[in-house]
Amino acid sequence: MEDVFIEIEACAERDCVFLSFNRLAERALHVLLDLDGTLVDTDKEAFNDIKFGRDRGFALSAIPSIRGAEAFVNALRDRGHSVTIVSDSHDAYVGPVAENRFRVPWLALSDKPNTAKLRAYLKEVFGFPGKVAAEEFLFVGDTKLDVQLARGLSIPSAMLSLGLDVHSQSPSEKF
C-alpha cells in the first residue's frame, strides 16, 4: 500500500489542492478526515483549552477553518463519498465542530494512534473489515500519527504537508 503525499506550498493554494485531491478516487470511498491542521487551523497554543475539553463554552466562530475545507467536505459528499471526522481532540470540541460546521459524523479518539477505538467504530458503523474492505477507506491527515493510525488498520492514507520537502525522502524515511 502506498501513501499519497500532497504538498501544500501556501495556504492560498489549499482550495486547489483539496479539489484536485478529490479526483483521486474513481469509486465512492469512506473518507476519514483529521480535524486539527487538516480542516481547522487550531495548531496554536491558544486553542489548547478548547481542544482538550477544558473550555466547553467556546464559540464555534472562534475556530478558524482552513481555507477550502468546508468546500472540500461538501465536494466529497456531493461526489458520493461518506465523510467522518476522526480526531484525537476532546469530544466536547470535536462534536460541535464536526456537526455544526462540517455536518458530518465524528469520532474523538482521545489519543492517536488509537487503532482499537477506530477499529471498533468502523466495525459498528461500516461493518469493517467484514462487509467493507480497507481499500474502501481513505484517511486524510496532516501528521505522522494520522498516517500511523491508518497503517495500523491497513487503510490507505493521504498526508497533507505544509512546506516540508516530502519528495526528497522515501516514505519509510519519513515515518
C-alpha atoms as a PDB file:
ATOM      1  CA  MET A   1       0.000   0.000   0.000  1.00  0.00           C
ATOM      2  CA  GLU A   2       1.375   3.388  -0.970  1.00  0.00           C
ATOM      3  CA  ASP A   3       0.673   6.564   0.931  1.00  0.00           C
ATOM      4  CA  VAL A   4      -0.310   9.650  -1.037  1.00  0.00           C
ATOM      5  CA  PHE A   5       1.605  12.807  -0.239  1.00  0.00           C
ATOM      6  CA  ILE A   6       0.145  16.172  -1.124  1.00  0.00           C
ATOM      7  CA  GLU A   7       2.450  19.118  -0.685  1.00  0.00           C
ATOM      8  CA  ILE A   8       0.880  22.468   0.074  1.00  0.00           C
ATOM      9  CA  GLU A   9       3.194  25.363  -0.674  1.00  0.00           C
ATOM     10  CA  ALA A  10       0.966  28.096   0.725  1.00  0.00           C
ATOM     11  CA  CYS A  11      -2.367  28.396   2.471  1.00  0.00           C
ATOM     12  CA  ALA A  12      -3.834  30.174  -0.551  1.00  0.00           C
ATOM     13  CA  GLU A  13      -3.379  27.024  -2.626  1.00  0.00           C
ATOM     14  CA  ARG A  14      -5.417  24.777  -0.343  1.00  0.00           C
ATOM     15  CA  ASP A  15      -8.646  25.182  -2.342  1.00  0.00           C
ATOM     16  CA  CYS A  16      -6.949  23.899  -5.468  1.00  0.00           C
ATOM     17  CA  VAL A  17      -5.185  21.046  -3.689  1.00  0.00           C
ATOM     18  CA  PHE A  18      -8.334  19.920  -1.921  1.00  0.00           C
ATOM     19  CA  LEU A  19     -10.406  19.844  -5.097  1.00  0.00           C
ATOM     20  CA  SER A  20      -7.750  18.137  -7.204  1.00  0.00           C
ATOM     21  CA  PHE A  21      -7.149  15.627  -4.413  1.00  0.00           C
ATOM     22  CA  ASN A  22     -10.801  14.597  -4.616  1.00  0.00           C
ATOM     23  CA  ARG A  23     -10.285  13.346  -8.176  1.00  0.00           C
ATOM     24  CA  LEU A  24      -8.057  10.500  -6.932  1.00  0.00           C
ATOM     25  CA  ALA A  25     -10.950   8.129  -6.294  1.00  0.00           C
ATOM     26  CA  GLU A  26     -12.966   6.652  -9.122  1.00  0.00           C
ATOM     27  CA  ARG A  27     -15.415   4.931  -6.780  1.00  0.00           C
ATOM     28  CA  ALA A  28     -17.145   6.081  -3.620  1.00  0.00           C
ATOM     29  CA  LEU A  29     -14.927   5.944  -0.552  1.00  0.00           C
ATOM     30  CA  HIS A  30     -15.394   6.301   3.167  1.00  0.00           C
ATOM     31  CA  VAL A  31     -13.141   9.305   3.787  1.00  0.00           C
ATOM     32  CA  LEU A  32     -11.833   9.707   7.322  1.00  0.00           C
ATOM     33  CA  LEU A  33     -10.600  13.246   7.915  1.00  0.00           C
ATOM     34  CA  ASP A  34      -8.417  14.502  10.719  1.00  0.00           C
ATOM     35  CA  LEU A  35      -9.687  17.779  12.180  1.00  0.00           C
ATOM     36  CA  ASP A  36      -6.879  19.926  13.616  1.00  0.00           C
ATOM     37  CA  GLY A  37      -4.408  21.042  10.969  1.00  0.00           C
ATOM     38  CA  THR A  38      -6.421  19.349   8.213  1.00  0.00           C
ATOM     39  CA  LEU A  39      -9.807  21.094   8.336  1.00  0.00           C
ATOM     40  CA  VAL A  40      -9.338  23.738  11.028  1.00  0.00           C
ATOM     41  CA  ASP A  41      -6.322  25.886  11.863  1.00  0.00           C
ATOM     42  CA  THR A  42      -6.037  25.251  15.601  1.00  0.00           C
ATOM     43  CA  ASP A  43      -2.391  24.305  15.960  1.00  0.00           C
ATOM     44  CA  LYS A  44      -1.674  27.370  18.098  1.00  0.00           C
ATOM     45  CA  GLU A  45      -1.388  27.024  21.874  1.00  0.00           C
ATOM     46  CA  ALA A  46      -4.290  29.471  22.294  1.00  0.00           C
ATOM     47  CA  PHE A  47      -6.691  26.674  21.241  1.00  0.00           C
ATOM     48  CA  ASN A  48      -5.404  24.016  23.668  1.00  0.00           C
ATOM     49  CA  ASP A  49      -8.058  24.626  26.358  1.00  0.00           C
ATOM     50  CA  ILE A  50     -10.773  24.172  23.718  1.00  0.00           C
ATOM     51  CA  LYS A  51      -9.192  21.104  22.080  1.00  0.00           C
ATOM     52  CA  PHE A  52      -8.519  19.395  25.426  1.00  0.00           C
ATOM     53  CA  GLY A  53     -12.080  19.985  26.686  1.00  0.00           C
ATOM     54  CA  ARG A  54     -11.197  22.492  29.430  1.00  0.00           C
ATOM     55  CA  ASP A  55     -13.101  25.335  27.699  1.00  0.00           C
ATOM     56  CA  ARG A  56     -16.534  23.962  26.854  1.00  0.00           C
ATOM     57  CA  GLY A  57     -18.143  27.353  26.349  1.00  0.00           C
ATOM     58  CA  PHE A  58     -16.178  28.237  23.229  1.00  0.00           C
ATOM     59  CA  ALA A  59     -17.825  29.975  20.281  1.00  0.00           C
ATOM     60  CA  LEU A  60     -17.780  27.948  17.088  1.00  0.00           C
ATOM     61  CA  SER A  61     -16.926  31.169  15.236  1.00  0.00           C
ATOM     62  CA  ALA A  62     -13.639  31.276  17.195  1.00  0.00           C
ATOM     63  CA  ILE A  63     -12.427  28.121  15.423  1.00  0.00           C
ATOM     64  CA  PRO A  64     -10.795  29.124  12.119  1.00  0.00           C
ATOM     65  CA  SER A  65     -11.405  26.796   9.189  1.00  0.00           C
ATOM     66  CA  ILE A  66      -8.580  26.136   6.805  1.00  0.00           C
ATOM     67  CA  ARG A  67      -9.469  27.869   3.569  1.00  0.00           C
ATOM     68  CA  GLY A  68     -11.365  25.495   1.293  1.00  0.00           C
ATOM     69  CA  ALA A  69     -12.048  22.889   3.986  1.00  0.00           C
ATOM     70  CA  GLU A  70     -15.830  23.252   4.004  1.00  0.00           C
ATOM     71  CA  ALA A  71     -15.982  23.245   0.199  1.00  0.00           C
ATOM     72  CA  PHE A  72     -13.790  20.134   0.187  1.00  0.00           C
ATOM     73  CA  VAL A  73     -16.067  18.249   2.588  1.00  0.00           C
ATOM     74  CA  ASN A  74     -19.126  19.299   0.576  1.00  0.00           C
ATOM     75  CA  ALA A  75     -17.468  18.225  -2.687  1.00  0.00           C
ATOM     76  CA  LEU A  76     -16.653  14.817  -1.219  1.00  0.00           C
ATOM     77  CA  ARG A  77     -20.266  14.286  -0.181  1.00  0.00           C
ATOM     78  CA  ASP A  78     -21.603  15.620  -3.491  1.00  0.00           C
ATOM     79  CA  ARG A  79     -19.480  13.020  -5.300  1.00  0.00           C
ATOM     80  CA  GLY A  80     -20.904  10.173  -3.243  1.00  0.00           C
ATOM     81  CA  HIS A  81     -18.151   9.729  -0.649  1.00  0.00           C
ATOM     82  CA  SER A  82     -19.047   9.343   3.006  1.00  0.00           C
ATOM     83  CA  VAL A  83     -17.102  11.625   5.336  1.00  0.00           C
ATOM     84  CA  THR A  84     -16.252  11.134   9.014  1.00  0.00           C
ATOM     85  CA  ILE A  85     -14.023  13.337  11.150  1.00  0.00           C
ATOM     86  CA  VAL A  86     -11.556  11.373  13.297  1.00  0.00           C
ATOM     87  CA  SER A  87      -9.670  13.453  15.843  1.00  0.00           C
ATOM     88  CA  ASP A  88      -7.543  12.996  18.934  1.00  0.00           C
ATOM     89  CA  SER A  89      -9.059  16.134  20.480  1.00  0.00           C
ATOM     90  CA  HIS A  90     -11.793  16.140  23.161  1.00  0.00           C
ATOM     91  CA  ASP A  91     -15.328  15.216  22.163  1.00  0.00           C
ATOM     92  CA  ALA A  92     -16.716  18.472  23.654  1.00  0.00           C
ATOM     93  CA  TYR A  93     -14.825  20.263  20.871  1.00  0.00           C
ATOM     94  CA  VAL A  94     -14.831  17.724  18.030  1.00  0.00           C
ATOM     95  CA  GLY A  95     -18.591  17.109  18.167  1.00  0.00           C
ATOM     96  CA  PRO A  96     -19.768  20.708  17.773  1.00  0.00           C
ATOM     97  CA  VAL A  97     -17.240  21.475  15.022  1.00  0.00           C
ATOM     98  CA  ALA A  98     -17.998  18.280  13.069  1.00  0.00           C
ATOM     99  CA  GLU A  99     -21.778  18.534  13.450  1.00  0.00           C
ATOM    100  CA  ASN A 100     -22.322  22.268  13.113  1.00  0.00           C
ATOM    101  CA  ARG A 101     -19.613  23.400  10.726  1.00  0.00           C
ATOM    102  CA  PHE A 102     -18.979  20.347   8.547  1.00  0.00           C
ATOM    103  CA  ARG A 103     -22.246  18.446   9.147  1.00  0.00           C
ATOM    104  CA  VAL A 104     -20.563  15.055   9.332  1.00  0.00           C
ATOM    105  CA  PRO A 105     -20.331  12.224  11.859  1.00  0.00           C
ATOM    106  CA  TRP A 106     -17.252  12.151  14.054  1.00  0.00           C
ATOM    107  CA  LEU A 107     -15.120  10.110  16.399  1.00  0.00           C
ATOM    108  CA  ALA A 108     -12.972  11.562  19.190  1.00  0.00           C
ATOM    109  CA  LEU A 109     -10.156   9.102  19.854  1.00  0.00           C
ATOM    110  CA  SER A 110      -8.610  10.858  22.887  1.00  0.00           C
ATOM    111  CA  ASP A 111      -5.213   9.809  21.570  1.00  0.00           C
ATOM    112  CA  LYS A 112      -3.578   8.729  18.325  1.00  0.00           C
ATOM    113  CA  PRO A 113      -2.894   6.253  17.017  1.00  0.00           C
ATOM    114  CA  ASN A 114      -5.806   4.572  18.828  1.00  0.00           C
ATOM    115  CA  THR A 115      -6.431   1.780  16.347  1.00  0.00           C
ATOM    116  CA  ALA A 116      -8.632  -0.213  18.752  1.00  0.00           C
ATOM    117  CA  LYS A 117     -11.168   2.604  19.162  1.00  0.00           C
ATOM    118  CA  LEU A 118     -11.191   3.421  15.441  1.00  0.00           C
ATOM    119  CA  ARG A 119     -11.496  -0.274  14.514  1.00  0.00           C
ATOM    120  CA  ALA A 120     -14.495  -0.657  16.854  1.00  0.00           C
ATOM    121  CA  TYR A 121     -16.148   2.442  15.353  1.00  0.00           C
ATOM    122  CA  LEU A 122     -15.565   1.271  11.766  1.00  0.00           C
ATOM    123  CA  LYS A 123     -16.930  -2.163  12.627  1.00  0.00           C
ATOM    124  CA  GLU A 124     -20.074  -0.714  14.208  1.00  0.00           C
ATOM    125  CA  VAL A 125     -20.778   1.890  11.517  1.00  0.00           C
ATOM    126  CA  PHE A 126     -19.448   0.268   8.323  1.00  0.00           C
ATOM    127  CA  GLY A 127     -19.042  -3.428   9.110  1.00  0.00           C
ATOM    128  CA  PHE A 128     -15.249  -3.178   8.730  1.00  0.00           C
ATOM    129  CA  PRO A 129     -13.453  -5.414   7.963  1.00  0.00           C
ATOM    130  CA  GLY A 130     -16.145  -7.988   7.070  1.00  0.00           C
ATOM    131  CA  LYS A 131     -18.569  -6.036   4.840  1.00  0.00           C
ATOM    132  CA  VAL A 132     -16.162  -3.284   3.811  1.00  0.00           C
ATOM    133  CA  ALA A 133     -12.520  -3.674   2.757  1.00  0.00           C
ATOM    134  CA  ALA A 134      -9.709  -1.383   3.902  1.00  0.00           C
ATOM    135  CA  GLU A 135      -9.294  -0.155   0.315  1.00  0.00           C
ATOM    136  CA  GLU A 136     -12.754   1.389   0.506  1.00  0.00           C
ATOM    137  CA  PHE A 137     -11.469   3.896   3.082  1.00  0.00           C
ATOM    138  CA  LEU A 138      -9.062   6.807   2.836  1.00  0.00           C
ATOM    139  CA  PHE A 139      -7.628   8.539   5.898  1.00  0.00           C
ATOM    140  CA  VAL A 140      -6.533  12.147   5.309  1.00  0.00           C
ATOM    141  CA  GLY A 141      -4.461  13.924   7.935  1.00  0.00           C
ATOM    142  CA  ASP A 142      -1.552  16.245   8.487  1.00  0.00           C
ATOM    143  CA  THR A 143       0.702  14.320  10.884  1.00  0.00           C
ATOM    144  CA  LYS A 144       2.681  11.126  11.144  1.00  0.00           C
ATOM    145  CA  LEU A 145       0.208   9.936  13.781  1.00  0.00           C
ATOM    146  CA  ASP A 146      -2.609  10.139  11.211  1.00  0.00           C
ATOM    147  CA  VAL A 147      -0.628   8.007   8.788  1.00  0.00           C
ATOM    148  CA  GLN A 148       0.319   5.550  11.559  1.00  0.00           C
ATOM    149  CA  LEU A 149      -3.336   5.249  12.574  1.00  0.00           C
ATOM    150  CA  ALA A 150      -4.354   4.424   9.008  1.00  0.00           C
ATOM    151  CA  ARG A 151      -1.483   1.983   8.590  1.00  0.00           C
ATOM    152  CA  GLY A 152      -2.472   0.231  11.823  1.00  0.00           C
ATOM    153  CA  LEU A 153      -5.743  -0.710  10.117  1.00  0.00           C
ATOM    154  CA  SER A 154      -4.196  -1.172   6.630  1.00  0.00           C
ATOM    155  CA  ILE A 155      -6.251   1.793   5.397  1.00  0.00           C
ATOM    156  CA  PRO A 156      -4.779   3.913   2.597  1.00  0.00           C
ATOM    157  CA  SER A 157      -3.783   7.391   3.739  1.00  0.00           C
ATOM    158  CA  ALA A 158      -3.012  10.813   2.348  1.00  0.00           C
ATOM    159  CA  MET A 159      -0.850  13.230   4.282  1.00  0.00           C
ATOM    160  CA  LEU A 160      -1.135  16.955   3.795  1.00  0.00           C
ATOM    161  CA  SER A 161       2.215  18.592   4.411  1.00  0.00           C
ATOM    162  CA  LEU A 162       2.912  22.267   4.857  1.00  0.00           C
ATOM    163  CA  GLY A 163       6.203  23.299   3.313  1.00  0.00           C
ATOM    164  CA  LEU A 164       8.029  20.030   4.000  1.00  0.00           C
ATOM    165  CA  ASP A 165      10.263  18.587   1.327  1.00  0.00           C
ATOM    166  CA  VAL A 166       8.389  15.299   1.094  1.00  0.00           C
ATOM    167  CA  HIS A 167       9.839  14.461  -2.303  1.00  0.00           C
ATOM    168  CA  SER A 168      13.439  14.265  -1.098  1.00  0.00           C
ATOM    169  CA  GLN A 169      12.802  11.267   1.156  1.00  0.00           C
ATOM    170  CA  SER A 170      11.131   7.938   0.703  1.00  0.00           C
ATOM    171  CA  PRO A 171       8.017   7.280   2.854  1.00  0.00           C
ATOM    172  CA  SER A 172       9.979   4.857   5.027  1.00  0.00           C
ATOM    173  CA  GLU A 173      12.469   7.630   5.861  1.00  0.00           C
ATOM    174  CA  LYS A 174       9.677   9.996   6.900  1.00  0.00           C
ATOM    175  CA  PHE A 175       7.928   7.545   9.158  1.00  0.00           C
END
